[in-house]
Structures are given as C-alpha cells and as structure tokens.
Amino acid sequence: MSDRDRRPNFRGKGGKPFQKGPKFGRPQGRRDRESGSDGPVILYGWHTVAAALANPDRQIRKLYLTENAAKRLAEENIATRVTPEIVRPGDIDRRLTPDAVHQGLLAEADPLPSPDIDTLAQEGIVLVLDQITDPHNVGAILRSAAAFAVKAIVTTARHSPEATGVLEVG
C-alpha cells in the first residue's frame, strides 16, 4: 500500500470529497502560477465586480447580472462597459461554490498583468505572503492591507490561491 493510499479521505462542505487537482492531490481551484493562465478569472460580489468595472485596465469578457443588481448598478451610475446578460440568481449560483456570496453579479475577465518587482515604489509598506493558500485568509489580508495603506503585496508563484471573487478586488 502506497503513502497515497493511506491518506485520510478528507471531505469538503456537505460531505462531498474534494476533487483532486492535477499535481500532488491539491483541491481543484489551486494552481501553480508558473504554468500561466490564458483563461478568464471569475469575479463575483458587489464590491469586486464594481471595482473591476471601474478599472480601465480590466478587460471584462462577460457580465452576468440579476435584475436587482442591474438596477443597482444603474442607480449608482456604474457603467458596465459590456452588455450584461440578465440571469436568475440560481444561474450564477450554479457557476460558483455553494458558499459563494455573489449578490447577483458575476464577471468573466482577463487576468491583470503582475507588475515586475523592480517597478515597485521604494517607499511604503510591502507585504510578502508565503504559502498562504486559503483564499478567505488572503482576502482578509488584502482588506487589512488596504486599511493600513500597504503599497504592494508580493505572493509566491506556487502555494497561493487562484484569483477569485473571494480575494480579488478590481
């Protein structure tokens, strides 16, 4: 019996087994950034999608909104830049994990380019994260960093979560 066969059978929410990723039995959704990603990032939630729509560097491919979310964007004069598809909340639910709070907004967007470390400002706080893999923890760190005026956050190419609506802003 190999070590892999002796591992405990960890289960995710609802008792369902984790789906294994391609390397080292990682849960799906985590990846090595060195491999690159040509696919879109999935952004969801009011603040995340509104910030992405306001960012001229962010290329939005598709935008899914519930009727209520579309009305709120219009009331707050937030331009969608792409023609949104009006959907029912359940349509967005099916595209995300069960614990995702989308608030009626989901965007597919191109990933933002990562700046070269040599281009970072020489003054201010630079936060370095190493092997923090839970996207909820990274999201909390990002929000705290914003409150403390951190100028840049550096993450490792491996052992860090994929950019999702849980942690992405803009």
N, C-alpha and C. Protein backbone atom coordinates (compact mmCIF):
# COMPACT_ATOMS: atom_id res chain seq x y z
N MET A 1 0.85 -1.18 0.00
CA MET A 1 0.00 0.00 0.00
C MET A 1 0.89 1.24 0.00
N SER A 2 0.66 2.17 -0.91
CA SER A 2 1.47 3.38 -1.00
C SER A 2 1.02 4.41 0.03
N ASP A 3 1.87 5.44 0.25
CA ASP A 3 1.50 6.52 1.16
C ASP A 3 0.23 7.21 0.70
N ARG A 4 0.08 7.32 -0.61
CA ARG A 4 -1.11 7.99 -1.15
C ARG A 4 -2.37 7.23 -0.77
N ASP A 5 -2.31 5.88 -0.75
CA ASP A 5 -3.49 5.09 -0.41
C ASP A 5 -3.82 5.18 1.08
N ARG A 6 -2.85 5.53 1.92
CA ARG A 6 -3.08 5.60 3.36
C ARG A 6 -3.56 6.97 3.82
N ARG A 7 -3.65 7.93 2.94
CA ARG A 7 -4.09 9.26 3.34
C ARG A 7 -5.55 9.23 3.76
N PRO A 8 -5.93 10.07 4.75
CA PRO A 8 -7.34 10.13 5.13
C PRO A 8 -8.17 10.69 3.98
N ASN A 9 -9.42 10.33 3.95
CA ASN A 9 -10.33 10.78 2.90
C ASN A 9 -11.00 12.07 3.37
N PHE A 10 -10.33 13.21 3.16
CA PHE A 10 -10.89 14.48 3.58
C PHE A 10 -12.08 14.83 2.70
N ARG A 11 -13.03 15.48 3.30
CA ARG A 11 -14.24 15.84 2.57
C ARG A 11 -14.48 17.34 2.70
N GLY A 12 -15.11 17.90 1.66
CA GLY A 12 -15.44 19.31 1.66
C GLY A 12 -16.79 19.56 2.29
N LYS A 13 -17.34 20.73 2.06
CA LYS A 13 -18.65 21.08 2.60
C LYS A 13 -19.70 20.11 2.09
N GLY A 14 -20.64 19.76 2.94
CA GLY A 14 -21.71 18.86 2.55
C GLY A 14 -21.26 17.41 2.48
N GLY A 15 -20.05 17.11 2.97
CA GLY A 15 -19.56 15.74 2.99
C GLY A 15 -19.06 15.22 1.65
N LYS A 16 -19.04 16.07 0.63
CA LYS A 16 -18.57 15.63 -0.68
C LYS A 16 -17.05 15.61 -0.70
N PRO A 17 -16.44 14.60 -1.33
CA PRO A 17 -14.98 14.57 -1.37
C PRO A 17 -14.44 15.70 -2.24
N PHE A 18 -13.24 16.20 -1.86
CA PHE A 18 -12.59 17.20 -2.68
C PHE A 18 -12.24 16.59 -4.02
N GLN A 19 -12.36 17.38 -5.08
CA GLN A 19 -11.87 16.91 -6.37
C GLN A 19 -10.39 17.21 -6.43
N LYS A 20 -9.62 16.27 -6.85
CA LYS A 20 -8.18 16.42 -6.86
C LYS A 20 -7.74 17.21 -8.08
N GLY A 21 -6.76 18.08 -7.87
CA GLY A 21 -6.14 18.81 -8.97
C GLY A 21 -5.10 17.93 -9.64
N PRO A 22 -4.43 18.43 -10.66
CA PRO A 22 -3.51 17.60 -11.42
C PRO A 22 -2.20 17.27 -10.71
N LYS A 23 -1.79 18.06 -9.70
CA LYS A 23 -0.49 17.82 -9.07
C LYS A 23 -0.66 17.64 -7.57
N PHE A 24 -0.01 16.65 -7.02
CA PHE A 24 0.12 16.44 -5.59
C PHE A 24 -1.21 16.38 -4.85
N GLY A 25 -2.27 16.00 -5.51
CA GLY A 25 -3.55 15.82 -4.85
C GLY A 25 -4.15 17.09 -4.29
N ARG A 26 -3.81 18.24 -4.86
CA ARG A 26 -4.37 19.51 -4.38
C ARG A 26 -5.83 19.60 -4.77
N PRO A 27 -6.66 20.29 -3.95
CA PRO A 27 -8.03 20.55 -4.38
C PRO A 27 -8.03 21.40 -5.64
N GLN A 28 -9.02 21.20 -6.50
CA GLN A 28 -9.13 22.00 -7.71
C GLN A 28 -9.32 23.45 -7.32
N GLY A 29 -8.89 24.36 -8.17
CA GLY A 29 -9.00 25.78 -7.89
C GLY A 29 -7.66 26.37 -7.49
N ARG A 30 -6.74 25.52 -7.02
CA ARG A 30 -5.40 25.99 -6.74
C ARG A 30 -4.54 25.61 -7.93
N ARG A 31 -3.61 26.44 -8.24
CA ARG A 31 -2.77 26.16 -9.40
C ARG A 31 -1.40 26.76 -9.16
N ASP A 32 -0.46 26.33 -9.94
CA ASP A 32 0.85 26.95 -9.95
C ASP A 32 0.80 28.09 -10.95
N ARG A 33 1.08 29.29 -10.50
CA ARG A 33 1.01 30.42 -11.40
C ARG A 33 2.09 30.37 -12.47
N GLU A 34 3.14 29.59 -12.23
CA GLU A 34 4.19 29.47 -13.23
C GLU A 34 3.65 28.91 -14.54
N SER A 35 2.58 28.08 -14.43
CA SER A 35 2.02 27.48 -15.63
C SER A 35 1.25 28.49 -16.46
N GLY A 36 0.90 29.64 -15.87
CA GLY A 36 0.19 30.67 -16.60
C GLY A 36 -1.28 30.31 -16.78
N SER A 37 -2.05 31.30 -17.17
CA SER A 37 -3.47 31.06 -17.37
C SER A 37 -3.95 32.00 -18.46
N ASP A 38 -4.43 31.41 -19.54
CA ASP A 38 -4.99 32.22 -20.60
C ASP A 38 -6.48 32.40 -20.42
N GLY A 39 -7.06 31.64 -19.51
CA GLY A 39 -8.50 31.69 -19.29
C GLY A 39 -8.91 32.88 -18.44
N PRO A 40 -10.19 33.15 -18.40
CA PRO A 40 -10.68 34.30 -17.63
C PRO A 40 -10.64 34.01 -16.13
N VAL A 41 -10.59 35.09 -15.35
CA VAL A 41 -10.80 34.98 -13.91
C VAL A 41 -12.28 35.23 -13.68
N ILE A 42 -12.82 34.57 -12.68
CA ILE A 42 -14.23 34.72 -12.34
C ILE A 42 -14.31 35.64 -11.13
N LEU A 43 -14.98 36.75 -11.30
CA LEU A 43 -15.15 37.74 -10.23
C LEU A 43 -16.62 37.78 -9.87
N TYR A 44 -16.92 37.88 -8.57
CA TYR A 44 -18.32 37.96 -8.16
C TYR A 44 -18.43 38.76 -6.88
N GLY A 45 -19.63 39.24 -6.63
CA GLY A 45 -19.89 40.08 -5.47
C GLY A 45 -19.89 41.54 -5.86
N TRP A 46 -20.63 42.34 -5.09
CA TRP A 46 -20.82 43.75 -5.43
C TRP A 46 -19.50 44.51 -5.53
N HIS A 47 -18.71 44.53 -4.46
CA HIS A 47 -17.51 45.36 -4.44
C HIS A 47 -16.49 44.90 -5.47
N THR A 48 -16.32 43.59 -5.62
CA THR A 48 -15.33 43.06 -6.55
C THR A 48 -15.69 43.40 -7.99
N VAL A 49 -16.94 43.16 -8.37
CA VAL A 49 -17.35 43.42 -9.76
C VAL A 49 -17.41 44.92 -10.03
N ALA A 50 -17.92 45.71 -9.08
CA ALA A 50 -17.97 47.17 -9.28
C ALA A 50 -16.55 47.74 -9.45
N ALA A 51 -15.59 47.25 -8.65
CA ALA A 51 -14.21 47.71 -8.79
C ALA A 51 -13.62 47.29 -10.13
N ALA A 52 -13.94 46.07 -10.57
CA ALA A 52 -13.44 45.60 -11.87
C ALA A 52 -14.02 46.44 -13.00
N LEU A 53 -15.30 46.78 -12.91
CA LEU A 53 -15.93 47.61 -13.95
C LEU A 53 -15.33 49.02 -13.97
N ALA A 54 -14.90 49.52 -12.81
CA ALA A 54 -14.33 50.86 -12.72
C ALA A 54 -12.86 50.90 -13.14
N ASN A 55 -12.22 49.74 -13.25
CA ASN A 55 -10.80 49.68 -13.57
C ASN A 55 -10.62 49.65 -15.09
N PRO A 56 -10.07 50.72 -15.68
CA PRO A 56 -9.91 50.75 -17.13
C PRO A 56 -8.90 49.71 -17.64
N ASP A 57 -8.04 49.19 -16.76
CA ASP A 57 -7.08 48.16 -17.17
C ASP A 57 -7.69 46.76 -17.17
N ARG A 58 -8.88 46.63 -16.63
CA ARG A 58 -9.52 45.32 -16.53
C ARG A 58 -10.40 45.09 -17.75
N GLN A 59 -10.11 44.04 -18.53
CA GLN A 59 -10.89 43.70 -19.71
C GLN A 59 -11.99 42.70 -19.28
N ILE A 60 -13.23 43.14 -19.32
CA ILE A 60 -14.36 42.29 -18.95
C ILE A 60 -14.82 41.54 -20.20
N ARG A 61 -14.87 40.21 -20.12
CA ARG A 61 -15.34 39.40 -21.25
C ARG A 61 -16.85 39.22 -21.24
N LYS A 62 -17.39 38.84 -20.07
CA LYS A 62 -18.82 38.62 -19.93
C LYS A 62 -19.27 39.13 -18.58
N LEU A 63 -20.52 39.59 -18.53
CA LEU A 63 -21.07 40.10 -17.28
C LEU A 63 -22.47 39.53 -17.10
N TYR A 64 -22.67 38.85 -15.98
CA TYR A 64 -23.97 38.27 -15.65
C TYR A 64 -24.52 39.01 -14.45
N LEU A 65 -25.75 39.51 -14.59
CA LEU A 65 -26.40 40.27 -13.53
C LEU A 65 -27.81 39.79 -13.30
N THR A 66 -28.26 39.84 -12.05
CA THR A 66 -29.68 39.65 -11.78
C THR A 66 -30.36 41.00 -12.06
N GLU A 67 -31.67 40.99 -12.16
CA GLU A 67 -32.40 42.25 -12.40
C GLU A 67 -32.11 43.27 -11.32
N ASN A 68 -32.10 42.82 -10.05
CA ASN A 68 -31.84 43.74 -8.94
C ASN A 68 -30.44 44.34 -9.02
N ALA A 69 -29.44 43.52 -9.35
CA ALA A 69 -28.08 44.01 -9.46
C ALA A 69 -27.95 45.02 -10.61
N ALA A 70 -28.63 44.74 -11.73
CA ALA A 70 -28.60 45.66 -12.87
C ALA A 70 -29.20 47.01 -12.48
N LYS A 71 -30.31 46.97 -11.74
CA LYS A 71 -30.94 48.22 -11.28
C LYS A 71 -30.00 49.00 -10.36
N ARG A 72 -29.34 48.29 -9.45
CA ARG A 72 -28.44 48.96 -8.51
C ARG A 72 -27.26 49.58 -9.24
N LEU A 73 -26.68 48.87 -10.21
CA LEU A 73 -25.58 49.45 -11.00
C LEU A 73 -26.04 50.73 -11.70
N ALA A 74 -27.25 50.69 -12.25
CA ALA A 74 -27.78 51.87 -12.94
C ALA A 74 -28.01 53.02 -11.96
N GLU A 75 -28.56 52.71 -10.79
CA GLU A 75 -28.81 53.74 -9.77
C GLU A 75 -27.52 54.40 -9.29
N GLU A 76 -26.45 53.64 -9.24
CA GLU A 76 -25.18 54.16 -8.76
C GLU A 76 -24.29 54.65 -9.91
N ASN A 77 -24.87 54.71 -11.12
CA ASN A 77 -24.17 55.21 -12.31
C ASN A 77 -22.84 54.49 -12.58
N ILE A 78 -22.85 53.18 -12.44
CA ILE A 78 -21.67 52.38 -12.73
C ILE A 78 -21.84 51.81 -14.13
N ALA A 79 -20.95 52.21 -15.03
CA ALA A 79 -21.02 51.76 -16.42
C ALA A 79 -20.58 50.29 -16.50
N THR A 80 -21.31 49.51 -17.29
CA THR A 80 -21.00 48.09 -17.40
C THR A 80 -19.95 47.80 -18.46
N ARG A 81 -19.73 48.68 -19.41
CA ARG A 81 -18.73 48.55 -20.48
C ARG A 81 -18.97 47.39 -21.43
N VAL A 82 -19.69 46.36 -21.00
CA VAL A 82 -20.11 45.26 -21.88
C VAL A 82 -21.60 45.07 -21.65
N THR A 83 -22.26 44.52 -22.66
CA THR A 83 -23.69 44.28 -22.50
C THR A 83 -23.90 43.12 -21.54
N PRO A 84 -24.56 43.38 -20.41
CA PRO A 84 -24.73 42.30 -19.43
C PRO A 84 -25.82 41.32 -19.88
N GLU A 85 -25.69 40.10 -19.41
CA GLU A 85 -26.73 39.10 -19.59
C GLU A 85 -27.51 39.06 -18.28
N ILE A 86 -28.81 39.32 -18.37
CA ILE A 86 -29.66 39.30 -17.18
C ILE A 86 -30.07 37.85 -16.91
N VAL A 87 -29.77 37.37 -15.72
CA VAL A 87 -30.00 35.98 -15.36
C VAL A 87 -30.70 35.90 -14.00
N ARG A 88 -31.18 34.72 -13.68
CA ARG A 88 -31.74 34.47 -12.35
C ARG A 88 -30.59 34.18 -11.38
N PRO A 89 -30.81 34.44 -10.08
CA PRO A 89 -29.74 34.17 -9.10
C PRO A 89 -29.23 32.72 -9.15
N GLY A 90 -30.11 31.78 -9.41
CA GLY A 90 -29.71 30.37 -9.47
C GLY A 90 -28.73 30.09 -10.60
N ASP A 91 -28.80 30.87 -11.68
CA ASP A 91 -27.86 30.68 -12.79
C ASP A 91 -26.44 31.03 -12.34
N ILE A 92 -26.30 32.08 -11.53
CA ILE A 92 -24.99 32.44 -11.00
C ILE A 92 -24.57 31.44 -9.93
N ASP A 93 -25.51 31.01 -9.09
CA ASP A 93 -25.21 30.01 -8.05
C ASP A 93 -24.55 28.78 -8.65
N ARG A 94 -25.05 28.31 -9.78
CA ARG A 94 -24.54 27.09 -10.40
C ARG A 94 -23.10 27.24 -10.91
N ARG A 95 -22.64 28.44 -11.12
CA ARG A 95 -21.28 28.67 -11.63
C ARG A 95 -20.25 28.79 -10.51
N LEU A 96 -20.72 28.89 -9.26
CA LEU A 96 -19.83 29.14 -8.14
C LEU A 96 -19.93 28.04 -7.09
N THR A 97 -19.10 28.12 -6.08
CA THR A 97 -19.16 27.17 -4.98
C THR A 97 -20.37 27.48 -4.10
N PRO A 98 -20.85 26.49 -3.35
CA PRO A 98 -22.06 26.71 -2.54
C PRO A 98 -21.94 27.85 -1.52
N ASP A 99 -20.75 28.14 -1.03
CA ASP A 99 -20.60 29.19 -0.02
C ASP A 99 -20.32 30.57 -0.61
N ALA A 100 -20.32 30.71 -1.93
CA ALA A 100 -20.02 31.99 -2.57
C ALA A 100 -21.21 32.94 -2.44
N VAL A 101 -20.93 34.17 -2.05
CA VAL A 101 -21.96 35.21 -1.94
C VAL A 101 -21.77 36.16 -3.11
N HIS A 102 -22.60 36.00 -4.14
CA HIS A 102 -22.37 36.76 -5.38
C HIS A 102 -23.17 38.05 -5.47
N GLN A 103 -24.20 38.21 -4.67
CA GLN A 103 -25.02 39.42 -4.65
C GLN A 103 -25.57 39.78 -6.03
N GLY A 104 -25.73 38.77 -6.89
CA GLY A 104 -26.34 38.99 -8.19
C GLY A 104 -25.40 39.47 -9.28
N LEU A 105 -24.09 39.41 -9.05
CA LEU A 105 -23.11 39.86 -10.05
C LEU A 105 -22.03 38.83 -10.24
N LEU A 106 -21.71 38.55 -11.49
CA LEU A 106 -20.59 37.67 -11.83
C LEU A 106 -19.99 38.19 -13.13
N ALA A 107 -18.68 38.34 -13.13
CA ALA A 107 -17.97 38.81 -14.34
C ALA A 107 -16.88 37.82 -14.70
N GLU A 108 -16.72 37.57 -15.98
CA GLU A 108 -15.56 36.86 -16.51
C GLU A 108 -14.65 37.92 -17.09
N ALA A 109 -13.40 37.95 -16.63
CA ALA A 109 -12.47 38.99 -17.06
C ALA A 109 -11.10 38.41 -17.33
N ASP A 110 -10.32 39.12 -18.13
CA ASP A 110 -8.94 38.74 -18.35
C ASP A 110 -8.15 39.03 -17.08
N PRO A 111 -7.17 38.18 -16.77
CA PRO A 111 -6.35 38.46 -15.59
C PRO A 111 -5.55 39.74 -15.79
N LEU A 112 -5.33 40.46 -14.71
CA LEU A 112 -4.49 41.65 -14.77
C LEU A 112 -3.02 41.21 -14.79
N PRO A 113 -2.18 41.93 -15.50
CA PRO A 113 -0.76 41.56 -15.50
C PRO A 113 -0.14 41.86 -14.14
N SER A 114 0.80 41.03 -13.75
CA SER A 114 1.52 41.27 -12.50
C SER A 114 2.69 42.20 -12.78
N PRO A 115 2.83 43.25 -11.97
CA PRO A 115 3.96 44.15 -12.21
C PRO A 115 5.27 43.47 -11.83
N ASP A 116 6.34 43.90 -12.44
CA ASP A 116 7.67 43.40 -12.12
C ASP A 116 8.06 43.95 -10.75
N ILE A 117 8.70 43.15 -9.93
CA ILE A 117 9.05 43.59 -8.57
C ILE A 117 9.98 44.81 -8.60
N ASP A 118 10.76 44.95 -9.68
CA ASP A 118 11.66 46.10 -9.80
C ASP A 118 10.91 47.41 -10.00
N THR A 119 9.63 47.34 -10.38
CA THR A 119 8.86 48.56 -10.63
C THR A 119 8.13 49.06 -9.39
N LEU A 120 8.21 48.32 -8.27
CA LEU A 120 7.52 48.74 -7.05
C LEU A 120 8.15 50.00 -6.48
N ALA A 121 7.29 50.82 -5.89
CA ALA A 121 7.78 52.05 -5.26
C ALA A 121 8.77 51.70 -4.14
N GLN A 122 9.76 52.54 -3.95
CA GLN A 122 10.79 52.29 -2.95
C GLN A 122 10.35 52.71 -1.55
N GLU A 123 9.27 53.47 -1.44
CA GLU A 123 8.79 53.89 -0.13
C GLU A 123 7.46 53.20 0.17
N GLY A 124 7.16 53.09 1.46
CA GLY A 124 5.90 52.48 1.87
C GLY A 124 6.06 51.02 2.26
N ILE A 125 4.96 50.45 2.72
CA ILE A 125 4.96 49.07 3.20
C ILE A 125 4.74 48.12 2.04
N VAL A 126 5.59 47.09 1.95
CA VAL A 126 5.40 45.99 1.00
C VAL A 126 5.16 44.74 1.84
N LEU A 127 4.05 44.09 1.60
CA LEU A 127 3.67 42.89 2.33
C LEU A 127 4.00 41.67 1.49
N VAL A 128 4.69 40.71 2.07
CA VAL A 128 5.07 39.49 1.36
C VAL A 128 4.33 38.31 1.99
N LEU A 129 3.59 37.56 1.16
CA LEU A 129 2.84 36.39 1.63
C LEU A 129 3.50 35.13 1.10
N ASP A 130 3.72 34.17 1.97
CA ASP A 130 4.37 32.93 1.57
C ASP A 130 3.53 31.75 2.03
N GLN A 131 3.07 30.94 1.10
CA GLN A 131 2.32 29.71 1.34
C GLN A 131 1.04 29.93 2.13
N ILE A 132 0.36 31.02 1.88
CA ILE A 132 -0.97 31.23 2.44
C ILE A 132 -1.93 30.82 1.34
N THR A 133 -2.53 29.64 1.50
CA THR A 133 -3.27 29.02 0.41
C THR A 133 -4.78 29.19 0.49
N ASP A 134 -5.31 29.57 1.63
CA ASP A 134 -6.76 29.71 1.76
C ASP A 134 -7.19 31.07 1.22
N PRO A 135 -8.04 31.10 0.18
CA PRO A 135 -8.42 32.39 -0.41
C PRO A 135 -9.16 33.31 0.55
N HIS A 136 -9.89 32.75 1.53
CA HIS A 136 -10.57 33.58 2.51
C HIS A 136 -9.56 34.32 3.39
N ASN A 137 -8.48 33.64 3.77
CA ASN A 137 -7.43 34.28 4.56
C ASN A 137 -6.73 35.37 3.75
N VAL A 138 -6.44 35.08 2.48
CA VAL A 138 -5.79 36.08 1.64
C VAL A 138 -6.71 37.28 1.45
N GLY A 139 -8.01 37.04 1.26
CA GLY A 139 -8.96 38.15 1.13
C GLY A 139 -8.96 39.03 2.37
N ALA A 140 -8.93 38.42 3.56
CA ALA A 140 -8.89 39.19 4.80
C ALA A 140 -7.59 39.98 4.89
N ILE A 141 -6.48 39.38 4.47
CA ILE A 141 -5.20 40.07 4.49
C ILE A 141 -5.23 41.25 3.53
N LEU A 142 -5.81 41.07 2.34
CA LEU A 142 -5.90 42.18 1.37
C LEU A 142 -6.71 43.35 1.93
N ARG A 143 -7.82 43.04 2.57
CA ARG A 143 -8.65 44.11 3.15
C ARG A 143 -7.90 44.83 4.27
N SER A 144 -7.19 44.07 5.11
CA SER A 144 -6.39 44.69 6.17
C SER A 144 -5.26 45.53 5.58
N ALA A 145 -4.62 45.01 4.54
CA ALA A 145 -3.53 45.75 3.88
C ALA A 145 -4.03 47.08 3.33
N ALA A 146 -5.22 47.08 2.76
CA ALA A 146 -5.80 48.33 2.24
C ALA A 146 -6.02 49.32 3.38
N ALA A 147 -6.47 48.83 4.52
CA ALA A 147 -6.71 49.71 5.66
C ALA A 147 -5.42 50.33 6.20
N PHE A 148 -4.30 49.62 6.04
CA PHE A 148 -3.01 50.10 6.53
C PHE A 148 -2.15 50.71 5.42
N ALA A 149 -2.77 51.01 4.28
CA ALA A 149 -2.09 51.69 3.17
C ALA A 149 -0.86 50.96 2.67
N VAL A 150 -0.94 49.63 2.61
CA VAL A 150 0.16 48.85 2.05
C VAL A 150 0.29 49.21 0.58
N LYS A 151 1.51 49.45 0.12
CA LYS A 151 1.76 49.87 -1.26
C LYS A 151 1.77 48.72 -2.25
N ALA A 152 2.18 47.52 -1.79
CA ALA A 152 2.25 46.37 -2.68
C ALA A 152 2.18 45.09 -1.86
N ILE A 153 1.66 44.04 -2.50
CA ILE A 153 1.61 42.72 -1.90
C ILE A 153 2.30 41.76 -2.87
N VAL A 154 3.26 41.01 -2.36
CA VAL A 154 4.00 40.05 -3.16
C VAL A 154 3.60 38.66 -2.69
N THR A 155 3.24 37.80 -3.65
CA THR A 155 2.91 36.42 -3.32
C THR A 155 3.84 35.49 -4.08
N THR A 156 3.89 34.26 -3.63
CA THR A 156 4.71 33.27 -4.31
C THR A 156 3.98 32.77 -5.55
N ALA A 157 4.73 32.29 -6.52
CA ALA A 157 4.12 31.74 -7.73
C ALA A 157 3.42 30.42 -7.43
N ARG A 158 3.94 29.68 -6.47
CA ARG A 158 3.33 28.41 -6.07
C ARG A 158 2.79 28.55 -4.67
N HIS A 159 1.88 27.69 -4.32
CA HIS A 159 1.32 27.64 -2.97
C HIS A 159 0.59 28.93 -2.61
N SER A 160 -0.17 29.44 -3.54
CA SER A 160 -1.03 30.58 -3.28
C SER A 160 -2.33 30.36 -4.05
N PRO A 161 -3.42 30.92 -3.55
CA PRO A 161 -4.70 30.64 -4.20
C PRO A 161 -4.85 31.37 -5.54
N GLU A 162 -5.68 30.81 -6.37
CA GLU A 162 -6.04 31.41 -7.64
C GLU A 162 -6.85 32.68 -7.36
N ALA A 163 -6.73 33.66 -8.23
CA ALA A 163 -7.51 34.90 -8.08
C ALA A 163 -8.97 34.59 -8.35
N THR A 164 -9.81 34.79 -7.33
CA THR A 164 -11.25 34.58 -7.46
C THR A 164 -11.97 35.71 -6.79
N GLY A 165 -13.28 35.67 -6.81
CA GLY A 165 -14.08 36.68 -6.16
C GLY A 165 -13.89 36.72 -4.66
N VAL A 166 -13.38 35.66 -4.07
CA VAL A 166 -13.16 35.64 -2.64
C VAL A 166 -12.06 36.63 -2.25
N LEU A 167 -11.05 36.78 -3.08
CA LEU A 167 -9.94 37.64 -2.69
C LEU A 167 -9.68 38.78 -3.63
N GLU A 168 -10.22 38.79 -4.81
CA GLU A 168 -9.85 39.80 -5.80
C GLU A 168 -10.67 41.08 -5.62
N VAL A 169 -10.00 42.19 -5.76
CA VAL A 169 -10.65 43.49 -5.80
C VAL A 169 -10.10 44.22 -7.02
N GLY A 170 -10.96 44.62 -7.92
CA GLY A 170 -10.55 45.37 -9.09
C GLY A 170 -10.05 44.47 -10.11
